[in-house]
Protein backbone atom coordinates (compact mmCIF):
# COMPACT_ATOMS: atom_id res chain seq x y z
CA MET A 1 37.42 -29.41 -41.68
CA SER A 2 35.18 -32.33 -42.41
CA PRO A 3 31.96 -32.78 -40.40
CA ALA A 4 33.18 -36.14 -39.17
CA ASN A 5 36.16 -34.68 -37.30
CA PRO A 6 34.18 -33.21 -34.32
CA MET A 7 32.32 -36.48 -33.92
CA ASN A 8 35.58 -38.42 -33.96
CA ARG A 9 37.12 -36.14 -31.33
CA ARG A 10 34.09 -36.51 -29.07
CA LYS A 11 34.18 -40.30 -29.43
CA GLU A 12 37.91 -40.35 -28.63
CA ARG A 13 37.34 -38.21 -25.52
CA ILE A 14 34.57 -40.51 -24.28
CA ASP A 15 36.78 -43.54 -24.84
CA ALA A 16 39.60 -41.84 -22.93
CA LEU A 17 37.34 -41.10 -20.00
CA ALA A 18 36.09 -44.66 -19.94
CA ALA A 19 39.70 -45.94 -19.99
CA GLY A 20 40.70 -43.57 -17.17
CA SER A 21 43.36 -41.75 -19.19
CA ALA A 22 41.62 -38.35 -18.92
CA THR A 23 40.88 -36.49 -15.72
CA VAL A 24 37.54 -35.13 -14.65
CA ARG A 25 38.93 -31.60 -14.73
CA GLU A 26 39.77 -32.06 -18.41
CA ALA A 27 36.23 -33.21 -19.08
CA GLY A 28 34.69 -30.27 -17.29
CA SER A 29 33.52 -29.65 -13.74
CA VAL A 30 30.29 -28.82 -12.00
CA ASP A 31 30.22 -26.01 -9.47
CA GLU A 32 29.09 -27.35 -6.13
CA LYS A 33 27.14 -25.02 -3.85
CA PRO A 34 26.01 -25.77 -0.31
CA GLY A 35 22.36 -26.61 0.13
CA VAL A 36 19.98 -23.85 1.26
CA SER A 37 17.04 -24.37 3.60
CA LEU A 38 13.52 -23.43 2.61
CA ILE A 39 13.49 -20.44 4.95
CA ALA A 40 16.86 -19.16 3.71
CA SER A 41 15.79 -19.61 0.10
CA ALA A 42 12.52 -17.76 0.78
CA TRP A 43 14.38 -14.91 2.47
CA GLN A 44 16.71 -14.54 -0.51
CA ARG A 45 13.66 -13.95 -2.71
CA LEU A 46 11.78 -11.81 -0.20
CA ARG A 47 14.56 -9.28 0.35
CA ARG A 48 14.56 -8.58 -3.40
CA ASN A 49 10.77 -8.35 -3.58
CA PRO A 50 9.64 -4.68 -3.43
CA VAL A 51 6.07 -5.72 -2.53
CA PHE A 52 7.29 -7.54 0.57
CA LEU A 53 9.59 -4.67 1.54
CA VAL A 54 6.74 -2.15 1.34
CA GLY A 55 4.48 -4.40 3.40
CA ALA A 56 7.21 -5.08 5.96
CA ILE A 57 7.98 -1.36 6.35
CA ILE A 58 4.30 -0.56 6.93
CA THR A 59 3.87 -3.45 9.37
CA VAL A 60 7.01 -2.76 11.38
CA GLY A 61 6.22 0.95 11.48
CA PHE A 62 2.70 0.21 12.75
CA VAL A 63 3.94 -2.16 15.46
CA VAL A 64 6.65 0.25 16.64
CA LEU A 65 4.18 3.15 16.67
CA ALA A 66 1.67 1.12 18.67
CA LEU A 67 4.32 0.20 21.24
CA VAL A 68 5.58 3.76 21.76
CA SER A 69 2.30 5.60 21.15
CA SER A 70 1.80 6.48 24.82
CA PHE A 71 5.21 8.16 24.90
CA VAL A 72 5.02 10.07 21.59
CA ALA A 73 1.41 11.28 21.91
CA PRO A 74 1.56 15.04 22.58
CA HIS A 75 -1.47 15.03 24.92
CA ASP A 76 -3.61 12.72 26.99
CA PRO A 77 -6.14 11.22 24.53
CA ALA A 78 -8.86 11.29 27.20
CA ALA A 79 -8.31 14.91 28.30
CA ASN A 80 -10.89 17.49 27.15
CA LEU A 81 -8.28 20.16 26.57
CA LEU A 82 -10.27 22.17 24.00
CA ILE A 83 -13.72 21.65 25.45
CA GLU A 84 -14.17 25.40 26.00
CA LYS A 85 -13.89 25.93 22.24
CA VAL A 86 -16.61 23.40 21.40
CA ARG A 87 -19.79 25.21 20.33
CA PRO A 88 -22.57 22.71 19.48
CA GLN A 89 -24.25 25.11 17.06
CA SER A 90 -21.43 27.08 15.47
CA ASN A 91 -18.21 25.12 16.06
CA PRO A 92 -18.85 21.53 17.27
CA VAL A 93 -15.36 20.38 16.22
CA PRO A 94 -12.37 22.65 16.98
CA GLY A 95 -9.93 23.01 14.10
CA PRO A 96 -6.12 22.84 14.06
CA GLU A 97 -4.17 25.28 16.19
CA ALA A 98 -0.83 25.56 17.95
CA GLY A 99 -0.11 22.31 19.80
CA PHE A 100 -3.04 20.56 18.13
CA PRO A 101 -2.00 20.02 14.47
CA LEU A 102 -5.11 17.96 13.60
CA GLY A 103 -7.52 19.79 15.86
CA ALA A 104 -9.83 18.02 18.30
CA ASP A 105 -12.98 15.92 18.25
CA ASP A 106 -16.44 16.98 19.40
CA ALA A 107 -15.40 16.42 23.03
CA GLY A 108 -12.34 18.69 22.77
CA ARG A 109 -9.78 15.83 22.81
CA ASP A 110 -6.63 16.02 20.71
CA LEU A 111 -7.23 14.08 17.50
CA LEU A 112 -3.55 13.31 16.81
CA SER A 113 -3.08 11.80 20.27
CA ARG A 114 -6.20 9.69 19.85
CA LEU A 115 -4.97 8.37 16.49
CA LEU A 116 -1.58 7.47 17.94
CA VAL A 117 -2.93 5.73 21.04
CA GLY A 118 -5.69 4.11 18.99
CA SER A 119 -3.05 2.22 17.03
CA ARG A 120 -2.17 0.29 20.19
CA GLN A 121 -5.77 -0.79 20.80
CA THR A 122 -6.12 -1.81 17.16
CA LEU A 123 -2.92 -3.89 17.36
CA VAL A 124 -4.08 -5.59 20.58
CA VAL A 125 -7.42 -6.57 19.06
CA GLY A 126 -5.87 -7.81 15.81
CA VAL A 127 -3.08 -9.82 17.43
CA PHE A 128 -5.16 -11.48 20.13
CA ALA A 129 -8.04 -12.23 17.76
CA THR A 130 -5.58 -13.91 15.40
CA LEU A 131 -3.93 -15.87 18.24
CA PHE A 132 -7.26 -17.09 19.62
CA GLY A 133 -8.48 -18.01 16.16
CA LEU A 134 -5.20 -19.79 15.44
CA ALA A 135 -5.43 -21.79 18.69
CA GLY A 136 -9.01 -22.87 18.02
CA GLY A 137 -8.35 -23.65 14.37
CA MET A 138 -5.24 -25.68 15.16
CA THR A 139 -7.15 -27.72 17.73
CA LEU A 140 -9.84 -28.65 15.22
CA GLY A 141 -7.33 -29.12 12.38
CA ILE A 142 -5.15 -31.48 14.45
CA LEU A 143 -8.17 -33.56 15.45
CA ALA A 144 -9.38 -33.85 11.87
CA GLY A 145 -5.98 -34.37 10.24
CA ALA A 146 -4.52 -36.77 12.80
CA PHE A 147 -7.43 -39.15 13.37
CA GLY A 148 -9.44 -38.99 10.16
CA GLY A 149 -12.55 -41.14 9.85
CA TRP A 150 -15.64 -40.08 11.78
CA VAL A 151 -13.64 -37.51 13.77
CA ASP A 152 -12.59 -35.81 10.56
CA ALA A 153 -16.16 -35.91 9.21
CA LEU A 154 -17.63 -34.48 12.41
CA VAL A 155 -15.10 -31.65 12.69
CA MET A 156 -15.36 -30.72 9.04
CA ARG A 157 -19.17 -30.57 9.13
CA PHE A 158 -18.90 -28.14 12.04
CA VAL A 159 -16.35 -26.10 10.09
CA ASP A 160 -18.62 -26.12 7.02
CA VAL A 161 -21.47 -24.70 9.10
CA LEU A 162 -19.25 -21.84 10.31
CA LEU A 163 -17.99 -21.16 6.78
CA SER A 164 -21.54 -21.05 5.41
CA ILE A 165 -22.27 -17.93 7.51
CA PRO A 166 -20.81 -14.63 6.23
CA SER A 167 -17.86 -13.73 8.42
CA LEU A 168 -19.00 -10.26 9.44
CA LEU A 169 -22.52 -11.50 10.18
CA LEU A 170 -21.11 -14.30 12.35
CA ALA A 171 -18.88 -11.89 14.24
CA PHE A 172 -21.77 -9.45 14.67
CA SER A 173 -24.03 -12.22 16.02
CA ILE A 174 -21.44 -13.43 18.54
CA ALA A 175 -20.63 -9.90 19.73
CA ALA A 176 -24.33 -9.07 20.06
CA LEU A 177 -24.80 -12.00 22.47
CA ALA A 178 -22.63 -10.29 25.08
CA SER A 179 -24.59 -8.52 27.82
CA ARG A 180 -22.13 -5.62 27.79
CA PRO A 181 -19.93 -4.76 24.79
CA SER A 182 -16.21 -4.65 25.47
CA GLN A 183 -12.88 -5.10 23.77
CA LEU A 184 -12.84 -8.75 24.86
CA THR A 185 -16.15 -9.46 23.12
CA VAL A 186 -14.74 -8.01 19.90
CA ILE A 187 -11.64 -10.22 20.18
CA ILE A 188 -13.74 -13.35 20.77
CA ALA A 189 -16.14 -12.52 17.94
CA VAL A 190 -13.37 -11.89 15.41
CA ALA A 191 -11.41 -14.96 16.58
CA ALA A 192 -14.46 -17.20 16.09
CA VAL A 193 -14.63 -16.11 12.46
CA GLN A 194 -11.00 -17.15 11.87
CA VAL A 195 -11.26 -20.59 13.51
CA PRO A 196 -12.72 -22.45 10.47
CA VAL A 197 -10.14 -20.87 8.14
CA PHE A 198 -7.20 -22.16 10.17
CA ALA A 199 -8.89 -25.51 10.84
CA ARG A 200 -9.46 -26.31 7.16
CA LEU A 201 -5.98 -25.17 6.15
CA LEU A 202 -4.18 -27.19 8.84
CA ARG A 203 -6.35 -30.24 8.22
CA GLY A 204 -5.45 -30.23 4.52
CA SER A 205 -1.74 -29.89 5.27
CA MET A 206 -1.82 -32.73 7.80
CA LEU A 207 -3.72 -35.03 5.45
CA ALA A 208 -0.97 -34.46 2.90
CA GLN A 209 1.63 -35.35 5.54
CA ARG A 210 -0.12 -38.59 6.53
CA SER A 211 0.99 -40.31 3.34
CA SER A 212 4.51 -38.88 3.26
CA ASP A 213 7.53 -41.18 3.47
CA HIS A 214 8.82 -39.98 6.83
CA VAL A 215 5.43 -40.49 8.51
CA LEU A 216 5.05 -43.97 7.02
CA ALA A 217 8.57 -44.81 8.14
CA ALA A 218 7.87 -43.62 11.70
CA ARG A 219 4.74 -45.74 11.89
CA ALA A 220 6.59 -48.75 10.49
CA LEU A 221 9.16 -48.36 13.27
CA GLY A 222 6.41 -48.47 15.87
CA VAL A 223 6.38 -44.79 16.90
CA ASN A 224 3.21 -44.03 18.84
CA GLN A 225 0.44 -41.91 17.36
CA ARG A 226 1.07 -38.85 19.54
CA ALA A 227 4.72 -38.65 18.55
CA VAL A 228 3.86 -39.13 14.88
CA VAL A 229 1.36 -36.27 15.01
CA PHE A 230 3.32 -33.73 17.07
CA ARG A 231 6.89 -34.55 15.96
CA HIS A 232 6.45 -35.46 12.31
CA MET A 233 3.10 -34.28 10.91
CA LEU A 234 2.39 -31.00 12.73
CA PRO A 235 5.81 -29.26 12.38
CA ASN A 236 5.79 -29.91 8.62
CA SER A 237 2.21 -28.62 8.28
CA LEU A 238 2.62 -25.24 9.96
CA GLY A 239 4.13 -23.34 7.01
CA PRO A 240 0.85 -22.47 5.26
CA VAL A 241 -0.80 -21.74 8.62
CA ILE A 242 1.87 -19.22 9.59
CA VAL A 243 1.53 -17.46 6.25
CA GLN A 244 -2.26 -17.40 6.59
CA SER A 245 -1.99 -15.86 10.06
CA THR A 246 -0.28 -12.83 8.50
CA LEU A 247 -3.20 -12.37 6.11
CA VAL A 248 -5.74 -12.97 8.88
CA LEU A 249 -4.22 -10.12 10.90
CA ALA A 250 -5.37 -7.68 8.23
CA THR A 251 -8.85 -9.22 8.19
CA SER A 252 -9.04 -9.16 11.99
CA ILE A 253 -8.23 -5.45 12.10
CA ILE A 254 -10.92 -4.67 9.54
CA ASP A 255 -13.56 -6.85 11.23
CA ALA A 256 -12.75 -5.39 14.66
CA ALA A 257 -13.05 -1.87 13.25
CA ALA A 258 -16.42 -2.79 11.71
CA LEU A 259 -17.75 -4.12 15.04
CA SER A 260 -16.53 -1.03 16.89
CA PHE A 261 -18.10 1.17 14.24
CA LEU A 262 -21.43 -0.58 14.82
CA GLY A 263 -21.20 0.08 18.54
CA LEU A 264 -20.27 -3.45 19.65
CA GLY A 265 -16.76 -2.58 20.79
CA ASN A 266 -15.47 -0.96 23.94
CA PRO A 267 -18.06 1.65 25.01
CA ASP A 268 -15.45 3.64 26.94
CA ASP A 269 -14.18 6.13 24.36
CA ARG A 270 -11.48 7.32 26.75
CA GLN A 271 -9.50 4.40 25.30
CA PRO A 272 -9.54 5.29 21.59
CA GLU A 273 -9.63 2.69 18.85
CA TRP A 274 -9.76 3.45 15.13
CA GLY A 275 -13.06 1.68 14.46
CA GLN A 276 -14.61 3.36 17.49
CA MET A 277 -13.41 6.75 16.21
CA LEU A 278 -15.08 6.02 12.87
CA GLY A 279 -18.40 5.35 14.56
CA ARG A 280 -18.16 8.48 16.68
CA ALA A 281 -17.41 10.62 13.61
CA GLN A 282 -20.53 9.50 11.74
CA PRO A 283 -22.73 12.51 12.73
CA PHE A 284 -20.02 14.90 11.45
CA ILE A 285 -19.14 13.08 8.22
CA TYR A 286 -20.37 15.85 5.90
CA ASP A 287 -19.15 18.96 7.71
CA TYR A 288 -16.00 17.53 9.30
CA PRO A 289 -14.98 14.53 7.17
CA HIS A 290 -11.43 14.44 8.55
CA LEU A 291 -12.75 12.87 11.76
CA ALA A 292 -13.66 9.74 9.74
CA VAL A 293 -11.11 9.94 6.94
CA LEU A 294 -8.02 9.90 9.18
CA PRO A 295 -8.81 6.70 11.13
CA ALA A 296 -10.14 5.08 7.94
CA VAL A 297 -6.87 5.80 6.12
CA CYS A 298 -4.92 4.36 9.05
CA ILE A 299 -6.96 1.14 8.93
CA ILE A 300 -6.53 0.83 5.16
CA ILE A 301 -2.77 1.38 5.24
CA VAL A 302 -2.16 -1.10 8.07
CA ALA A 303 -4.39 -3.76 6.48
CA LEU A 304 -2.59 -3.22 3.17
CA GLY A 305 0.80 -3.69 4.86
CA PHE A 306 -0.17 -7.03 6.41
CA THR A 307 -1.76 -8.17 3.13
CA LEU A 308 1.29 -7.33 1.01
CA MET A 309 3.62 -9.07 3.45
CA GLY A 310 1.39 -12.15 3.70
CA GLU A 311 0.97 -12.54 -0.05
CA SER A 312 4.72 -12.20 -0.56
CA LEU A 313 5.37 -14.86 2.09
CA ARG A 314 2.89 -17.17 0.40
CA GLU A 315 4.60 -16.78 -2.97
CA ALA A 316 8.06 -17.31 -1.47
CA LEU A 317 7.15 -20.46 0.46
CA ASP A 318 4.80 -22.08 -2.06
CA PRO A 319 6.76 -24.08 -4.69
CA LYS A 320 3.95 -23.58 -7.22
CA THR A 321 4.09 -19.78 -7.08
CA ARG A 322 7.79 -19.07 -6.48
CA ARG A 323 9.21 -16.43 -8.71
C-alpha cells in the first residue's frame, strides 16, 4: 500500500462530508453528557477523596457526640461521686474503677462524663465564635468590596491593624478586658480574631466580581447598586468564605481552649470544657498526665477533622488546585 493512499482516502471523505453525501455518524460522533454544576462536580471528587472522608467522619462524629453527650454520659459531670476517695497527700486523683473507666479528677468527678459533656461546650464556643466572626467579616468585606474608593481604603487599614497583632495575643487582650470571665467573653474574643480574615477574603472575591460580565451587564441595564451587590456580586463571592469558615472552626476551637487554659474562660467548672480541663490539670501534669492528655487529644483530633475537611473543600472548589 502506497503512502499516498491514506491521504487520498481522507481527502475523499472530507469532500464527501462537504458535499453532504456522508452522514455524521459515518464520520464519527461525540458523546454528549449533561452539564454538571460546580457543587455536584466538587462532590464527585470529594466522595473519592480519603482525606475528606476521614475529616468528615471525625467532624460528624464530634457533632453527634456533642449533641447527645448529656444522654450518653454515665454520670453527672458536676457530681463529686468519688470525693471520699480523694486524699490530697496520698491519692489526690482517684484511678479507674467499676463504673468509672477513666477514673475521676481531683474533685472526685467522673472524668469520662466530663470529657463527653465538654465536647458540647467546645462545639458551642467554636460554632458561635465562627458565626460572629463571619458576620463581622462579611459586613466589612461587603463595604470594602461593594463601594471601593475611600471606604475600601478605610476598612482595609482597620483590617491591617487587626492582622498586625498576633491572633492569640489579640484574643487574650479582648478577653482580659472583661470584668468577669465567661463563655461569652471567650466567644467574642475568638470571633474578633476571625473578623479580619473573613473581611479580606470576601473583599478580594467581591473585587473580582466587580469586573465580571454579569455585573457589568446588570449595571448597563440600570440595576440599582443594592441589587447588584446582594443579587449578583455577593452570592458568587461566598464560595471561598464558606470553605474558610470550615478551617476557622478548627482555629476557633484551639484559641478558645487556649483562653480557657489561661483562666479567661468560664470560671464555673461544673460546666466542663476541654480547654478548662487542661488548665485544671496543670498541677497534676507529672503525676497524673492523663488528666491533661485526654482533653488535649480530643482537641487535636477535632481540630484535625475540621482542617482535613476544609482543605479538601478548598481543593475541590478551587479550579487551580482541583485534582
